[in-house]
Amino acid sequence: MNWTDAISGALLLLGALSCLMGAIGVITFPDVAARLQAATKPQTLGLLLVLAGAALRLPLQDAASLVVVALFQLLTSPVLAQLVGRSAYRSDSVRHETLVIDELGERIDQEQQE
């Protein structure tokens, strides 16, 4: 066993663990905002770690295609989280007492006053 096998295995295990923790968070967190946090950040990190672990085991030209997958994930995950979060907020699925700062509520109030 060489060092790339060990590093690849460690990255794959860490990525799988991060995805598992994100999935547990989605199941156990109380509201949409918290679940959205668990669904995006650990899942994205987990996928990037899995892709890095897989890239170490692949030839260079095949590993380069994994960069496209990583970029697609990094571009779509925040956009999707923003859209789902706004939709959940507007449909009153967010527990407002758990919000520390409510910038969207202030903006909606300003738009309604105009």
PDB file of N, CA and C in Angstrom:
ATOM      1  N   MET A   1       0.858  -1.186   0.000  1.00  0.00           N
ATOM      2  CA  MET A   1       0.000   0.000   0.000  1.00  0.00           C
ATOM      3  C   MET A   1       0.898   1.243   0.000  1.00  0.00           C
ATOM      4  N   ASN A   2       0.657   2.147  -0.934  1.00  0.00           N
ATOM      5  CA  ASN A   2       1.468   3.362  -0.986  1.00  0.00           C
ATOM      6  C   ASN A   2       0.703   4.531  -0.365  1.00  0.00           C
ATOM      7  N   TRP A   3       1.338   5.677  -0.358  1.00  0.00           N
ATOM      8  CA  TRP A   3       0.765   6.834   0.342  1.00  0.00           C
ATOM      9  C   TRP A   3      -0.490   7.362  -0.338  1.00  0.00           C
ATOM     10  N   THR A   4      -0.611   7.235  -1.670  1.00  0.00           N
ATOM     11  CA  THR A   4      -1.824   7.724  -2.340  1.00  0.00           C
ATOM     12  C   THR A   4      -3.045   6.892  -1.957  1.00  0.00           C
ATOM     13  N   ASP A   5      -2.825   5.590  -1.719  1.00  0.00           N
ATOM     14  CA  ASP A   5      -3.941   4.753  -1.270  1.00  0.00           C
ATOM     15  C   ASP A   5      -4.430   5.202   0.103  1.00  0.00           C
ATOM     16  N   ALA A   6      -3.504   5.500   0.991  1.00  0.00           N
ATOM     17  CA  ALA A   6      -3.866   5.909   2.348  1.00  0.00           C
ATOM     18  C   ALA A   6      -4.577   7.265   2.341  1.00  0.00           C
ATOM     19  N   ILE A   7      -4.045   8.206   1.583  1.00  0.00           N
ATOM     20  CA  ILE A   7      -4.670   9.530   1.528  1.00  0.00           C
ATOM     21  C   ILE A   7      -6.033   9.446   0.852  1.00  0.00           C
ATOM     22  N   SER A   8      -6.123   8.685  -0.225  1.00  0.00           N
ATOM     23  CA  SER A   8      -7.393   8.519  -0.923  1.00  0.00           C
ATOM     24  C   SER A   8      -8.433   7.879  -0.011  1.00  0.00           C
ATOM     25  N   GLY A   9      -8.045   6.855   0.705  1.00  0.00           N
ATOM     26  CA  GLY A   9      -8.966   6.200   1.641  1.00  0.00           C
ATOM     27  C   GLY A   9      -9.426   7.138   2.745  1.00  0.00           C
ATOM     28  N   ALA A  10      -8.492   7.936   3.262  1.00  0.00           N
ATOM     29  CA  ALA A  10      -8.852   8.884   4.321  1.00  0.00           C
ATOM     30  C   ALA A  10      -9.818   9.941   3.800  1.00  0.00           C
ATOM     31  N   LEU A  11      -9.571  10.444   2.607  1.00  0.00           N
ATOM     32  CA  LEU A  11     -10.476  11.448   2.028  1.00  0.00           C
ATOM     33  C   LEU A  11     -11.862  10.865   1.765  1.00  0.00           C
ATOM     34  N   LEU A  12     -11.904   9.646   1.253  1.00  0.00           N
ATOM     35  CA  LEU A  12     -13.196   9.003   1.011  1.00  0.00           C
ATOM     36  C   LEU A  12     -13.964   8.780   2.310  1.00  0.00           C
ATOM     37  N   LEU A  13     -13.271   8.341   3.350  1.00  0.00           N
ATOM     38  CA  LEU A  13     -13.936   8.132   4.642  1.00  0.00           C
ATOM     39  C   LEU A  13     -14.401   9.446   5.264  1.00  0.00           C
ATOM     40  N   LEU A  14     -13.574  10.476   5.192  1.00  0.00           N
ATOM     41  CA  LEU A  14     -13.974  11.773   5.736  1.00  0.00           C
ATOM     42  C   LEU A  14     -15.157  12.347   4.963  1.00  0.00           C
ATOM     43  N   GLY A  15     -15.149  12.179   3.651  1.00  0.00           N
ATOM     44  CA  GLY A  15     -16.264  12.649   2.839  1.00  0.00           C
ATOM     45  C   GLY A  15     -17.550  11.917   3.169  1.00  0.00           C
ATOM     46  N   ALA A  16     -17.454  10.614   3.327  1.00  0.00           N
ATOM     47  CA  ALA A  16     -18.641   9.826   3.680  1.00  0.00           C
ATOM     48  C   ALA A  16     -19.143  10.210   5.067  1.00  0.00           C
ATOM     49  N   LEU A  17     -18.239  10.443   6.003  1.00  0.00           N
ATOM     50  CA  LEU A  17     -18.637  10.856   7.348  1.00  0.00           C
ATOM     51  C   LEU A  17     -19.314  12.220   7.329  1.00  0.00           C
ATOM     52  N   SER A  18     -18.789  13.144   6.538  1.00  0.00           N
ATOM     53  CA  SER A  18     -19.407  14.462   6.433  1.00  0.00           C
ATOM     54  C   SER A  18     -20.810  14.361   5.850  1.00  0.00           C
ATOM     55  N   CYS A  19     -20.973  13.552   4.822  1.00  0.00           N
ATOM     56  CA  CYS A  19     -22.308  13.353   4.233  1.00  0.00           C
ATOM     57  C   CYS A  19     -23.255  12.700   5.236  1.00  0.00           C
ATOM     58  N   LEU A  20     -22.758  11.759   6.007  1.00  0.00           N
ATOM     59  CA  LEU A  20     -23.583  11.110   7.028  1.00  0.00           C
ATOM     60  C   LEU A  20     -24.030  12.113   8.085  1.00  0.00           C
ATOM     61  N   MET A  21     -23.113  12.961   8.524  1.00  0.00           N
ATOM     62  CA  MET A  21     -23.472  13.973   9.528  1.00  0.00           C
ATOM     63  C   MET A  21     -24.499  14.952   8.969  1.00  0.00           C
ATOM     64  N   GLY A  22     -24.367  15.317   7.710  1.00  0.00           N
ATOM     65  CA  GLY A  22     -25.352  16.188   7.080  1.00  0.00           C
ATOM     66  C   GLY A  22     -26.719  15.527   7.015  1.00  0.00           C
ATOM     67  N   ALA A  23     -26.752  14.244   6.679  1.00  0.00           N
ATOM     68  CA  ALA A  23     -28.022  13.516   6.608  1.00  0.00           C
ATOM     69  C   ALA A  23     -28.666  13.400   7.983  1.00  0.00           C
ATOM     70  N   ILE A  24     -27.873  13.173   9.003  1.00  0.00           N
ATOM     71  CA  ILE A  24     -28.408  13.123  10.368  1.00  0.00           C
ATOM     72  C   ILE A  24     -28.962  14.484  10.763  1.00  0.00           C
ATOM     73  N   GLY A  25     -28.278  15.549  10.371  1.00  0.00           N
ATOM     74  CA  GLY A  25     -28.760  16.901  10.654  1.00  0.00           C
ATOM     75  C   GLY A  25     -30.079  17.196   9.965  1.00  0.00           C
ATOM     76  N   VAL A  26     -30.233  16.740   8.731  1.00  0.00           N
ATOM     77  CA  VAL A  26     -31.491  16.958   8.011  1.00  0.00           C
ATOM     78  C   VAL A  26     -32.644  16.259   8.733  1.00  0.00           C
ATOM     79  N   ILE A  27     -32.381  15.105   9.285  1.00  0.00           N
ATOM     80  CA  ILE A  27     -33.431  14.352   9.980  1.00  0.00           C
ATOM     81  C   ILE A  27     -33.743  14.947  11.341  1.00  0.00           C
ATOM     82  N   THR A  28     -32.732  15.421  12.057  1.00  0.00           N
ATOM     83  CA  THR A  28     -32.944  15.806  13.455  1.00  0.00           C
ATOM     84  C   THR A  28     -33.163  17.289  13.712  1.00  0.00           C
ATOM     85  N   PHE A  29     -32.723  18.170  12.819  1.00  0.00           N
ATOM     86  CA  PHE A  29     -32.869  19.593  13.092  1.00  0.00           C
ATOM     87  C   PHE A  29     -34.332  20.006  13.039  1.00  0.00           C
ATOM     88  N   PRO A  30     -34.717  21.037  13.806  1.00  0.00           N
ATOM     89  CA  PRO A  30     -36.135  21.325  14.021  1.00  0.00           C
ATOM     90  C   PRO A  30     -36.864  22.086  12.918  1.00  0.00           C
ATOM     91  N   ASP A  31     -36.177  22.939  12.171  1.00  0.00           N
ATOM     92  CA  ASP A  31     -36.902  23.750  11.190  1.00  0.00           C
ATOM     93  C   ASP A  31     -36.169  23.776   9.851  1.00  0.00           C
ATOM     94  N   VAL A  32     -36.788  24.428   8.891  1.00  0.00           N
ATOM     95  CA  VAL A  32     -36.274  24.433   7.524  1.00  0.00           C
ATOM     96  C   VAL A  32     -34.905  25.090   7.439  1.00  0.00           C
ATOM     97  N   ALA A  33     -34.715  26.185   8.124  1.00  0.00           N
ATOM     98  CA  ALA A  33     -33.436  26.903   8.036  1.00  0.00           C
ATOM     99  C   ALA A  33     -32.279  26.039   8.546  1.00  0.00           C
ATOM    100  N   ALA A  34     -32.481  25.381   9.656  1.00  0.00           N
ATOM    101  CA  ALA A  34     -31.439  24.510  10.204  1.00  0.00           C
ATOM    102  C   ALA A  34     -31.212  23.300   9.305  1.00  0.00           C
ATOM    103  N   ARG A  35     -32.285  22.734   8.789  1.00  0.00           N
ATOM    104  CA  ARG A  35     -32.144  21.582   7.891  1.00  0.00           C
ATOM    105  C   ARG A  35     -31.447  21.976   6.599  1.00  0.00           C
ATOM    106  N   LEU A  36     -31.722  23.169   6.138  1.00  0.00           N
ATOM    107  CA  LEU A  36     -31.079  23.651   4.926  1.00  0.00           C
ATOM    108  C   LEU A  36     -29.579  23.788   5.140  1.00  0.00           C
ATOM    109  N   GLN A  37     -29.194  24.250   6.303  1.00  0.00           N
ATOM    110  CA  GLN A  37     -27.777  24.355   6.653  1.00  0.00           C
ATOM    111  C   GLN A  37     -27.125  22.978   6.627  1.00  0.00           C
ATOM    112  N   ALA A  38     -27.808  21.996   7.218  1.00  0.00           N
ATOM    113  CA  ALA A  38     -27.262  20.642   7.261  1.00  0.00           C
ATOM    114  C   ALA A  38     -27.252  19.993   5.886  1.00  0.00           C
ATOM    115  N   ALA A  39     -28.169  20.391   5.036  1.00  0.00           N
ATOM    116  CA  ALA A  39     -28.249  19.778   3.712  1.00  0.00           C
ATOM    117  C   ALA A  39     -27.225  20.341   2.738  1.00  0.00           C
ATOM    118  N   THR A  40     -26.733  21.543   2.975  1.00  0.00           N
ATOM    119  CA  THR A  40     -25.845  22.152   1.991  1.00  0.00           C
ATOM    120  C   THR A  40     -24.366  22.078   2.376  1.00  0.00           C
ATOM    121  N   LYS A  41     -24.001  22.573   3.522  1.00  0.00           N
ATOM    122  CA  LYS A  41     -22.577  22.685   3.834  1.00  0.00           C
ATOM    123  C   LYS A  41     -21.883  21.343   4.031  1.00  0.00           C
ATOM    124  N   PRO A  42     -22.354  20.463   4.917  1.00  0.00           N
ATOM    125  CA  PRO A  42     -21.634  19.185   5.061  1.00  0.00           C
ATOM    126  C   PRO A  42     -21.731  18.304   3.824  1.00  0.00           C
ATOM    127  N   GLN A  43     -22.847  18.386   3.112  1.00  0.00           N
ATOM    128  CA  GLN A  43     -22.982  17.575   1.905  1.00  0.00           C
ATOM    129  C   GLN A  43     -22.006  18.037   0.826  1.00  0.00           C
ATOM    130  N   THR A  44     -21.856  19.350   0.683  1.00  0.00           N
ATOM    131  CA  THR A  44     -20.910  19.877  -0.303  1.00  0.00           C
ATOM    132  C   THR A  44     -19.480  19.508   0.077  1.00  0.00           C
ATOM    133  N   LEU A  45     -19.138  19.689   1.335  1.00  0.00           N
ATOM    134  CA  LEU A  45     -17.801  19.313   1.795  1.00  0.00           C
ATOM    135  C   LEU A  45     -17.574  17.823   1.596  1.00  0.00           C
ATOM    136  N   GLY A  46     -18.565  17.008   1.938  1.00  0.00           N
ATOM    137  CA  GLY A  46     -18.436  15.568   1.775  1.00  0.00           C
ATOM    138  C   GLY A  46     -18.221  15.172   0.330  1.00  0.00           C
ATOM    139  N   LEU A  47     -18.974  15.773  -0.573  1.00  0.00           N
ATOM    140  CA  LEU A  47     -18.801  15.454  -1.992  1.00  0.00           C
ATOM    141  C   LEU A  47     -17.418  15.875  -2.482  1.00  0.00           C
ATOM    142  N   LEU A  48     -16.962  17.045  -2.064  1.00  0.00           N
ATOM    143  CA  LEU A  48     -15.638  17.498  -2.495  1.00  0.00           C
ATOM    144  C   LEU A  48     -14.535  16.573  -1.974  1.00  0.00           C
ATOM    145  N   LEU A  49     -14.677  16.088  -0.752  1.00  0.00           N
ATOM    146  CA  LEU A  49     -13.687  15.155  -0.208  1.00  0.00           C
ATOM    147  C   LEU A  49     -13.727  13.823  -0.950  1.00  0.00           C
ATOM    148  N   VAL A  50     -14.923  13.331  -1.257  1.00  0.00           N
ATOM    149  CA  VAL A  50     -15.044  12.085  -2.014  1.00  0.00           C
ATOM    150  C   VAL A  50     -14.448  12.250  -3.410  1.00  0.00           C
ATOM    151  N   LEU A  51     -14.721  13.371  -4.049  1.00  0.00           N
ATOM    152  CA  LEU A  51     -14.152  13.620  -5.375  1.00  0.00           C
ATOM    153  C   LEU A  51     -12.630  13.706  -5.324  1.00  0.00           C
ATOM    154  N   ALA A  52     -12.097  14.331  -4.297  1.00  0.00           N
ATOM    155  CA  ALA A  52     -10.638  14.428  -4.155  1.00  0.00           C
ATOM    156  C   ALA A  52     -10.030  13.049  -3.935  1.00  0.00           C
ATOM    157  N   GLY A  53     -10.689  12.241  -3.104  1.00  0.00           N
ATOM    158  CA  GLY A  53     -10.202  10.883  -2.882  1.00  0.00           C
ATOM    159  C   GLY A  53     -10.245  10.042  -4.135  1.00  0.00           C
ATOM    160  N   ALA A  54     -11.305  10.188  -4.903  1.00  0.00           N
ATOM    161  CA  ALA A  54     -11.414   9.447  -6.162  1.00  0.00           C
ATOM    162  C   ALA A  54     -10.404   9.955  -7.182  1.00  0.00           C
ATOM    163  N   ALA A  55     -10.166  11.257  -7.200  1.00  0.00           N
ATOM    164  CA  ALA A  55      -9.234  11.840  -8.169  1.00  0.00           C
ATOM    165  C   ALA A  55      -7.811  11.320  -7.964  1.00  0.00           C
ATOM    166  N   LEU A  56      -7.460  11.022  -6.730  1.00  0.00           N
ATOM    167  CA  LEU A  56      -6.118  10.491  -6.473  1.00  0.00           C
ATOM    168  C   LEU A  56      -5.926   9.107  -7.077  1.00  0.00           C
ATOM    169  N   ARG A  57      -6.993   8.387  -7.263  1.00  0.00           N
ATOM    170  CA  ARG A  57      -6.904   7.016  -7.778  1.00  0.00           C
ATOM    171  C   ARG A  57      -7.099   6.936  -9.284  1.00  0.00           C
ATOM    172  N   LEU A  58      -7.468   8.029  -9.939  1.00  0.00           N
ATOM    173  CA  LEU A  58      -7.753   8.029 -11.369  1.00  0.00           C
ATOM    174  C   LEU A  58      -6.605   8.631 -12.167  1.00  0.00           C
ATOM    175  N   PRO A  59      -6.541   8.297 -13.458  1.00  0.00           N
ATOM    176  CA  PRO A  59      -5.573   8.993 -14.328  1.00  0.00           C
ATOM    177  C   PRO A  59      -5.916  10.485 -14.401  1.00  0.00           C
ATOM    178  N   LEU A  60      -4.939  11.290 -14.750  1.00  0.00           N
ATOM    179  CA  LEU A  60      -5.089  12.745 -14.706  1.00  0.00           C
ATOM    180  C   LEU A  60      -6.241  13.252 -15.564  1.00  0.00           C
ATOM    181  N   GLN A  61      -6.403  12.756 -16.777  1.00  0.00           N
ATOM    182  CA  GLN A  61      -7.473  13.279 -17.631  1.00  0.00           C
ATOM    183  C   GLN A  61      -8.852  12.889 -17.109  1.00  0.00           C
ATOM    184  N   ASP A  62      -8.983  11.741 -16.459  1.00  0.00           N
ATOM    185  CA  ASP A  62     -10.265  11.376 -15.846  1.00  0.00           C
ATOM    186  C   ASP A  62     -10.514  12.182 -14.578  1.00  0.00           C
ATOM    187  N   ALA A  63      -9.467  12.436 -13.819  1.00  0.00           N
ATOM    188  CA  ALA A  63      -9.604  13.222 -12.594  1.00  0.00           C
ATOM    189  C   ALA A  63      -9.977  14.666 -12.907  1.00  0.00           C
ATOM    190  N   ALA A  64      -9.540  15.166 -14.051  1.00  0.00           N
ATOM    191  CA  ALA A  64      -9.871  16.543 -14.428  1.00  0.00           C
ATOM    192  C   ALA A  64     -11.371  16.715 -14.636  1.00  0.00           C
ATOM    193  N   SER A  65     -12.047  15.673 -15.073  1.00  0.00           N
ATOM    194  CA  SER A  65     -13.500  15.779 -15.257  1.00  0.00           C
ATOM    195  C   SER A  65     -14.225  15.897 -13.921  1.00  0.00           C
ATOM    196  N   LEU A  66     -13.599  15.418 -12.855  1.00  0.00           N
ATOM    197  CA  LEU A  66     -14.212  15.562 -11.533  1.00  0.00           C
ATOM    198  C   LEU A  66     -14.224  17.012 -11.073  1.00  0.00           C
ATOM    199  N   VAL A  67     -13.334  17.823 -11.623  1.00  0.00           N
ATOM    200  CA  VAL A  67     -13.310  19.252 -11.304  1.00  0.00           C
ATOM    201  C   VAL A  67     -14.612  19.900 -11.771  1.00  0.00           C
ATOM    202  N   VAL A  68     -15.122  19.462 -12.907  1.00  0.00           N
ATOM    203  CA  VAL A  68     -16.380  20.004 -13.421  1.00  0.00           C
ATOM    204  C   VAL A  68     -17.521  19.667 -12.466  1.00  0.00           C
ATOM    205  N   VAL A  69     -17.522  18.452 -11.943  1.00  0.00           N
ATOM    206  CA  VAL A  69     -18.548  18.049 -10.983  1.00  0.00           C
ATOM    207  C   VAL A  69     -18.448  18.912  -9.722  1.00  0.00           C
ATOM    208  N   ALA A  70     -17.236  19.133  -9.239  1.00  0.00           N
ATOM    209  CA  ALA A  70     -17.045  19.953  -8.040  1.00  0.00           C
ATOM    210  C   ALA A  70     -17.498  21.389  -8.275  1.00  0.00           C
ATOM    211  N   LEU A  71     -17.156  21.960  -9.411  1.00  0.00           N
ATOM    212  CA  LEU A  71     -17.578  23.326  -9.711  1.00  0.00           C
ATOM    213  C   LEU A  71     -19.096  23.436  -9.829  1.00  0.00           C
ATOM    214  N   PHE A  72     -19.709  22.458 -10.449  1.00  0.00           N
ATOM    215  CA  PHE A  72     -21.158  22.456 -10.568  1.00  0.00           C
ATOM    216  C   PHE A  72     -21.814  22.409  -9.190  1.00  0.00           C
ATOM    217  N   GLN A  73     -21.278  21.597  -8.306  1.00  0.00           N
ATOM    218  CA  GLN A  73     -21.806  21.508  -6.943  1.00  0.00           C
ATOM    219  C   GLN A  73     -21.619  22.830  -6.202  1.00  0.00           C
ATOM    220  N   LEU A  74     -20.454  23.433  -6.339  1.00  0.00           N
ATOM    221  CA  LEU A  74     -20.186  24.692  -5.639  1.00  0.00           C
ATOM    222  C   LEU A  74     -21.031  25.844  -6.169  1.00  0.00           C
ATOM    223  N   LEU A  75     -21.425  25.783  -7.437  1.00  0.00           N
ATOM    224  CA  LEU A  75     -22.248  26.841  -8.007  1.00  0.00           C
ATOM    225  C   LEU A  75     -23.736  26.649  -7.725  1.00  0.00           C
ATOM    226  N   THR A  76     -24.213  25.422  -7.715  1.00  0.00           N
ATOM    227  CA  THR A  76     -25.652  25.198  -7.584  1.00  0.00           C
ATOM    228  C   THR A  76     -26.133  25.101  -6.145  1.00  0.00           C
ATOM    229  N   SER A  77     -25.321  24.604  -5.263  1.00  0.00           N
ATOM    230  CA  SER A  77     -25.761  24.404  -3.877  1.00  0.00           C
ATOM    231  C   SER A  77     -26.161  25.705  -3.179  1.00  0.00           C
ATOM    232  N   PRO A  78     -25.360  26.774  -3.238  1.00  0.00           N
ATOM    233  CA  PRO A  78     -25.781  28.017  -2.580  1.00  0.00           C
ATOM    234  C   PRO A  78     -27.029  28.639  -3.207  1.00  0.00           C
ATOM    235  N   VAL A  79     -27.145  28.542  -4.522  1.00  0.00           N
ATOM    236  CA  VAL A  79     -28.308  29.109  -5.202  1.00  0.00           C
ATOM    237  C   VAL A  79     -29.576  28.366  -4.786  1.00  0.00           C
ATOM    238  N   LEU A  80     -29.506  27.056  -4.772  1.00  0.00           N
ATOM    239  CA  LEU A  80     -30.649  26.249  -4.366  1.00  0.00           C
ATOM    240  C   LEU A  80     -31.026  26.520  -2.914  1.00  0.00           C
ATOM    241  N   ALA A  81     -30.026  26.610  -2.043  1.00  0.00           N
ATOM    242  CA  ALA A  81     -30.295  26.889  -0.633  1.00  0.00           C
ATOM    243  C   ALA A  81     -30.960  28.252  -0.461  1.00  0.00           C
ATOM    244  N   GLN A  82     -30.509  29.247  -1.223  1.00  0.00           N
ATOM    245  CA  GLN A  82     -31.108  30.582  -1.157  1.00  0.00           C
ATOM    246  C   GLN A  82     -32.569  30.537  -1.589  1.00  0.00           C
ATOM    247  N   LEU A  83     -32.860  29.858  -2.681  1.00  0.00           N
ATOM    248  CA  LEU A  83     -34.229  29.791  -3.186  1.00  0.00           C
ATOM    249  C   LEU A  83     -35.152  29.031  -2.237  1.00  0.00           C
ATOM    250  N   VAL A  84     -34.687  27.921  -1.720  1.00  0.00           N
ATOM    251  CA  VAL A  84     -35.509  27.146  -0.787  1.00  0.00           C
ATOM    252  C   VAL A  84     -35.705  27.922   0.510  1.00  0.00           C
ATOM    253  N   GLY A  85     -34.662  28.592   0.984  1.00  0.00           N
ATOM    254  CA  GLY A  85     -34.778  29.386   2.202  1.00  0.00           C
ATOM    255  C   GLY A  85     -35.768  30.530   2.067  1.00  0.00           C
ATOM    256  N   ARG A  86     -35.711  31.249   0.965  1.00  0.00           N
ATOM    257  CA  ARG A  86     -36.674  32.338   0.737  1.00  0.00           C
ATOM    258  C   ARG A  86     -38.096  31.813   0.622  1.00  0.00           C
ATOM    259  N   SER A  87     -38.252  30.710  -0.077  1.00  0.00           N
ATOM    260  CA  SER A  87     -39.577  30.118  -0.222  1.00  0.00           C
ATOM    261  C   SER A  87     -40.124  29.663   1.124  1.00  0.00           C
ATOM    262  N   ALA A  88     -39.289  29.044   1.926  1.00  0.00           N
ATOM    263  CA  ALA A  88     -39.719  28.603   3.252  1.00  0.00           C
ATOM    264  C   ALA A  88     -40.062  29.786   4.145  1.00  0.00           C
ATOM    265  N   TYR A  89     -39.283  30.861   4.040  1.00  0.00           N
ATOM    266  CA  TYR A  89     -39.549  32.050   4.848  1.00  0.00           C
ATOM    267  C   TYR A  89     -40.891  32.668   4.471  1.00  0.00           C
ATOM    268  N   ARG A  90     -41.132  32.797   3.184  1.00  0.00           N
ATOM    269  CA  ARG A  90     -42.373  33.430   2.723  1.00  0.00           C
ATOM    270  C   ARG A  90     -43.607  32.577   2.993  1.00  0.00           C
ATOM    271  N   SER A  91     -43.431  31.279   3.133  1.00  0.00           N
ATOM    272  CA  SER A  91     -44.571  30.407   3.441  1.00  0.00           C
ATOM    273  C   SER A  91     -44.694  30.141   4.946  1.00  0.00           C
ATOM    274  N   ASP A  92     -43.975  30.892   5.756  1.00  0.00           N
ATOM    275  CA  ASP A  92     -43.987  30.782   7.227  1.00  0.00           C
ATOM    276  C   ASP A  92     -43.609  29.396   7.728  1.00  0.00           C
ATOM    277  N   SER A  93     -42.631  28.775   7.084  1.00  0.00           N
ATOM    278  CA  SER A  93     -42.117  27.488   7.544  1.00  0.00           C
ATOM    279  C   SER A  93     -40.869  27.643   8.406  1.00  0.00           C
ATOM    280  N   VAL A  94     -40.449  28.879   8.613  1.00  0.00           N
ATOM    281  CA  VAL A  94     -39.264  29.164   9.419  1.00  0.00           C
ATOM    282  C   VAL A  94     -39.715  29.629  10.797  1.00  0.00           C
ATOM    283  N   ARG A  95     -39.056  29.121  11.828  1.00  0.00           N
ATOM    284  CA  ARG A  95     -39.359  29.560  13.191  1.00  0.00           C
ATOM    285  C   ARG A  95     -38.666  30.901  13.426  1.00  0.00           C
ATOM    286  N   HIS A  96     -39.454  31.959  13.436  1.00  0.00           N
ATOM    287  CA  HIS A  96     -38.897  33.312  13.505  1.00  0.00           C
ATOM    288  C   HIS A  96     -38.211  33.597  14.840  1.00  0.00           C
ATOM    289  N   GLU A  97     -38.592  32.912  15.896  1.00  0.00           N
ATOM    290  CA  GLU A  97     -37.949  33.158  17.193  1.00  0.00           C
ATOM    291  C   GLU A  97     -36.524  32.625  17.237  1.00  0.00           C
ATOM    292  N   THR A  98     -36.148  31.748  16.316  1.00  0.00           N
ATOM    293  CA  THR A  98     -34.780  31.226  16.276  1.00  0.00           C
ATOM    294  C   THR A  98     -33.834  32.078  15.446  1.00  0.00           C
ATOM    295  N   LEU A  99     -34.376  33.050  14.712  1.00  0.00           N
ATOM    296  CA  LEU A  99     -33.528  33.902  13.876  1.00  0.00           C
ATOM    297  C   LEU A  99     -32.858  34.977  14.730  1.00  0.00           C
ATOM    298  N   VAL A 100     -31.579  35.123  14.570  1.00  0.00           N
ATOM    299  CA  VAL A 100     -30.841  36.162  15.288  1.00  0.00           C
ATOM    300  C   VAL A 100     -30.997  37.493  14.561  1.00  0.00           C
ATOM    301  N   ILE A 101     -30.810  37.478  13.254  1.00  0.00           N
ATOM    302  CA  ILE A 101     -30.982  38.657  12.415  1.00  0.00           C
ATOM    303  C   ILE A 101     -31.968  38.292  11.315  1.00  0.00           C
ATOM    304  N   ASP A 102     -32.964  39.139  11.125  1.00  0.00           N
ATOM    305  CA  ASP A 102     -34.001  38.851  10.140  1.00  0.00           C
ATOM    306  C   ASP A 102     -33.984  39.921   9.048  1.00  0.00           C
ATOM    307  N   GLU A 103     -32.977  39.867   8.185  1.00  0.00           N
ATOM    308  CA  GLU A 103     -32.840  40.874   7.136  1.00  0.00           C
ATOM    309  C   GLU A 103     -33.938  40.738   6.081  1.00  0.00           C
ATOM    310  N   LEU A 104     -34.336  39.519   5.781  1.00  0.00           N
ATOM    311  CA  LEU A 104     -35.377  39.331   4.770  1.00  0.00           C
ATOM    312  C   LEU A 104     -36.711  39.878   5.261  1.00  0.00           C
ATOM    313  N   GLY A 105     -37.026  39.702   6.536  1.00  0.00           N
ATOM    314  CA  GLY A 105     -38.265  40.250   7.078  1.00  0.00           C
ATOM    315  C   GLY A 105     -38.296  41.762   7.008  1.00  0.00           C
ATOM    316  N   GLU A 106     -37.162  42.397   7.319  1.00  0.00           N
ATOM    317  CA  GLU A 106     -37.079  43.853   7.225  1.00  0.00           C
ATOM    318  C   GLU A 106     -37.264  44.313   5.786  1.00  0.00           C
ATOM    319  N   ARG A 107     -36.697  43.598   4.842  1.00  0.00           N
ATOM    320  CA  ARG A 107     -36.803  43.988   3.441  1.00  0.00           C
ATOM    321  C   ARG A 107     -38.236  43.796   2.938  1.00  0.00           C
ATOM    322  N   ILE A 108     -38.874  42.720   3.339  1.00  0.00           N
ATOM    323  CA  ILE A 108     -40.263  42.491   2.936  1.00  0.00           C
ATOM    324  C   ILE A 108     -41.157  43.575   3.515  1.00  0.00           C
ATOM    325  N   ASP A 109     -40.921  43.959   4.779  1.00  0.00           N
ATOM    326  CA  ASP A 109     -41.703  45.024   5.393  1.00  0.00           C
ATOM    327  C   ASP A 109     -41.529  46.348   4.650  1.00  0.00           C
ATOM    328  N   GLN A 110     -40.301  46.667   4.242  1.00  0.00           N
ATOM    329  CA  GLN A 110     -40.040  47.895   3.494  1.00  0.00           C
ATOM    330  C   GLN A 110     -40.749  47.887   2.144  1.00  0.00           C
ATOM    331  N   GLU A 111     -40.749  46.730   1.481  1.00  0.00           N
ATOM    332  CA  GLU A 111     -41.407  46.634   0.172  1.00  0.00           C
ATOM    333  C   GLU A 111     -42.916  46.781   0.306  1.00  0.00           C
ATOM    334  N   GLN A 112     -43.491  46.287   1.394  1.00  0.00           N
ATOM    335  CA  GLN A 112     -44.939  46.380   1.590  1.00  0.00           C
ATOM    336  C   GLN A 112     -45.359  47.800   1.935  1.00  0.00           C
ATOM    337  N   GLN A 113     -44.487  48.576   2.587  1.00  0.00           N
ATOM    338  CA  GLN A 113     -44.804  49.951   2.946  1.00  0.00           C
ATOM    339  C   GLN A 113     -44.754  50.886   1.738  1.00  0.00           C
ATOM    340  N   GLU A 114     -43.996  50.521   0.725  1.00  0.00           N
ATOM    341  CA  GLU A 114     -43.851  51.403  -0.454  1.00  0.00           C
ATOM    342  C   GLU A 114     -44.997  51.316  -1.388  1.00  0.00           C
TER     343      GLU A 114
END
